[in-house]
Amino acid sequence: MGRLVQPEEIAYAYLFLASDEASMVTGTNLQVDGGASL
């Protein structure tokens, strides 16, 4: 994406993982890096 990840974008990932919507997510590595690791 050509920019650094902002702190609130990392927080969004944490909030998702703590939510009921992520109740079936187990054992995952969630990379919040804008695709830089591809």
N, C-alpha and C. Protein backbone atom coordinates (compact mmCIF):
# COMPACT_ATOMS: atom_id res chain seq x y z
N MET A 1 0.82 -1.19 0.00
CA MET A 1 0.00 0.00 0.00
C MET A 1 0.86 1.25 0.00
N GLY A 2 2.15 1.10 0.24
CA GLY A 2 3.04 2.25 0.17
C GLY A 2 3.05 3.15 1.39
N ARG A 3 2.57 2.65 2.52
CA ARG A 3 2.58 3.46 3.74
C ARG A 3 2.71 2.55 4.94
N LEU A 4 3.03 3.13 6.07
CA LEU A 4 3.13 2.38 7.30
C LEU A 4 1.74 2.13 7.89
N VAL A 5 1.62 1.04 8.59
CA VAL A 5 0.36 0.72 9.27
C VAL A 5 0.18 1.67 10.44
N GLN A 6 -1.02 2.19 10.58
CA GLN A 6 -1.34 3.10 11.67
C GLN A 6 -1.77 2.30 12.91
N PRO A 7 -1.50 2.83 14.10
CA PRO A 7 -1.86 2.11 15.33
C PRO A 7 -3.34 1.71 15.39
N GLU A 8 -4.22 2.56 14.92
CA GLU A 8 -5.64 2.22 14.98
C GLU A 8 -5.98 1.05 14.07
N GLU A 9 -5.22 0.86 12.99
CA GLU A 9 -5.47 -0.28 12.11
C GLU A 9 -5.09 -1.59 12.81
N ILE A 10 -4.07 -1.57 13.62
CA ILE A 10 -3.71 -2.74 14.41
C ILE A 10 -4.78 -2.98 15.47
N ALA A 11 -5.28 -1.91 16.06
CA ALA A 11 -6.34 -2.03 17.07
C ALA A 11 -7.59 -2.64 16.47
N TYR A 12 -7.92 -2.32 15.21
CA TYR A 12 -9.10 -2.90 14.56
C TYR A 12 -8.97 -4.42 14.49
N ALA A 13 -7.78 -4.91 14.22
CA ALA A 13 -7.56 -6.36 14.17
C ALA A 13 -7.78 -6.98 15.54
N TYR A 14 -7.25 -6.34 16.59
CA TYR A 14 -7.46 -6.84 17.95
C TYR A 14 -8.94 -6.82 18.32
N LEU A 15 -9.62 -5.76 17.95
CA LEU A 15 -11.05 -5.67 18.26
C LEU A 15 -11.84 -6.76 17.55
N PHE A 16 -11.46 -7.04 16.30
CA PHE A 16 -12.13 -8.13 15.58
C PHE A 16 -11.92 -9.45 16.29
N LEU A 17 -10.67 -9.75 16.65
CA LEU A 17 -10.37 -11.03 17.30
C LEU A 17 -11.06 -11.17 18.65
N ALA A 18 -11.34 -10.06 19.31
CA ALA A 18 -12.03 -10.08 20.60
C ALA A 18 -13.55 -10.09 20.46
N SER A 19 -14.04 -9.97 19.24
CA SER A 19 -15.48 -9.87 19.03
C SER A 19 -16.13 -11.24 18.82
N ASP A 20 -17.44 -11.27 18.89
CA ASP A 20 -18.20 -12.49 18.64
C ASP A 20 -18.04 -12.96 17.19
N GLU A 21 -17.80 -12.05 16.27
CA GLU A 21 -17.64 -12.41 14.87
C GLU A 21 -16.43 -13.32 14.63
N ALA A 22 -15.48 -13.28 15.53
CA ALA A 22 -14.27 -14.11 15.40
C ALA A 22 -14.33 -15.35 16.27
N SER A 23 -15.52 -15.74 16.69
CA SER A 23 -15.64 -16.87 17.62
C SER A 23 -15.16 -18.18 17.02
N MET A 24 -15.12 -18.31 15.71
CA MET A 24 -14.66 -19.53 15.07
C MET A 24 -13.22 -19.44 14.59
N VAL A 25 -12.54 -18.35 14.86
CA VAL A 25 -11.14 -18.18 14.47
C VAL A 25 -10.27 -18.81 15.55
N THR A 26 -9.42 -19.74 15.14
CA THR A 26 -8.51 -20.39 16.08
C THR A 26 -7.14 -20.56 15.45
N GLY A 27 -6.11 -20.40 16.23
CA GLY A 27 -4.76 -20.70 15.80
C GLY A 27 -4.30 -20.00 14.54
N THR A 28 -4.52 -18.73 14.45
CA THR A 28 -4.15 -18.02 13.23
C THR A 28 -3.09 -16.97 13.51
N ASN A 29 -2.33 -16.66 12.48
CA ASN A 29 -1.43 -15.51 12.51
C ASN A 29 -2.08 -14.44 11.66
N LEU A 30 -2.47 -13.38 12.26
CA LEU A 30 -3.12 -12.29 11.55
C LEU A 30 -2.10 -11.20 11.32
N GLN A 31 -1.66 -11.06 10.08
CA GLN A 31 -0.65 -10.05 9.76
C GLN A 31 -1.34 -8.76 9.35
N VAL A 32 -1.04 -7.71 10.06
CA VAL A 32 -1.60 -6.39 9.77
C VAL A 32 -0.44 -5.55 9.26
N ASP A 33 -0.15 -5.71 7.95
CA ASP A 33 1.02 -5.04 7.39
C ASP A 33 0.77 -4.45 6.00
N GLY A 34 -0.50 -4.35 5.62
CA GLY A 34 -0.82 -3.75 4.33
C GLY A 34 -0.32 -4.53 3.13
N GLY A 35 -0.06 -5.81 3.31
CA GLY A 35 0.42 -6.65 2.22
C GLY A 35 1.93 -6.64 2.04
N ALA A 36 2.66 -6.00 2.92
CA ALA A 36 4.12 -5.90 2.79
C ALA A 36 4.81 -7.25 2.87
N SER A 37 4.19 -8.22 3.52
CA SER A 37 4.83 -9.52 3.69
C SER A 37 4.55 -10.47 2.53
N LEU A 38 3.80 -10.05 1.55
CA LEU A 38 3.48 -10.93 0.42
C LEU A 38 4.68 -11.22 -0.41
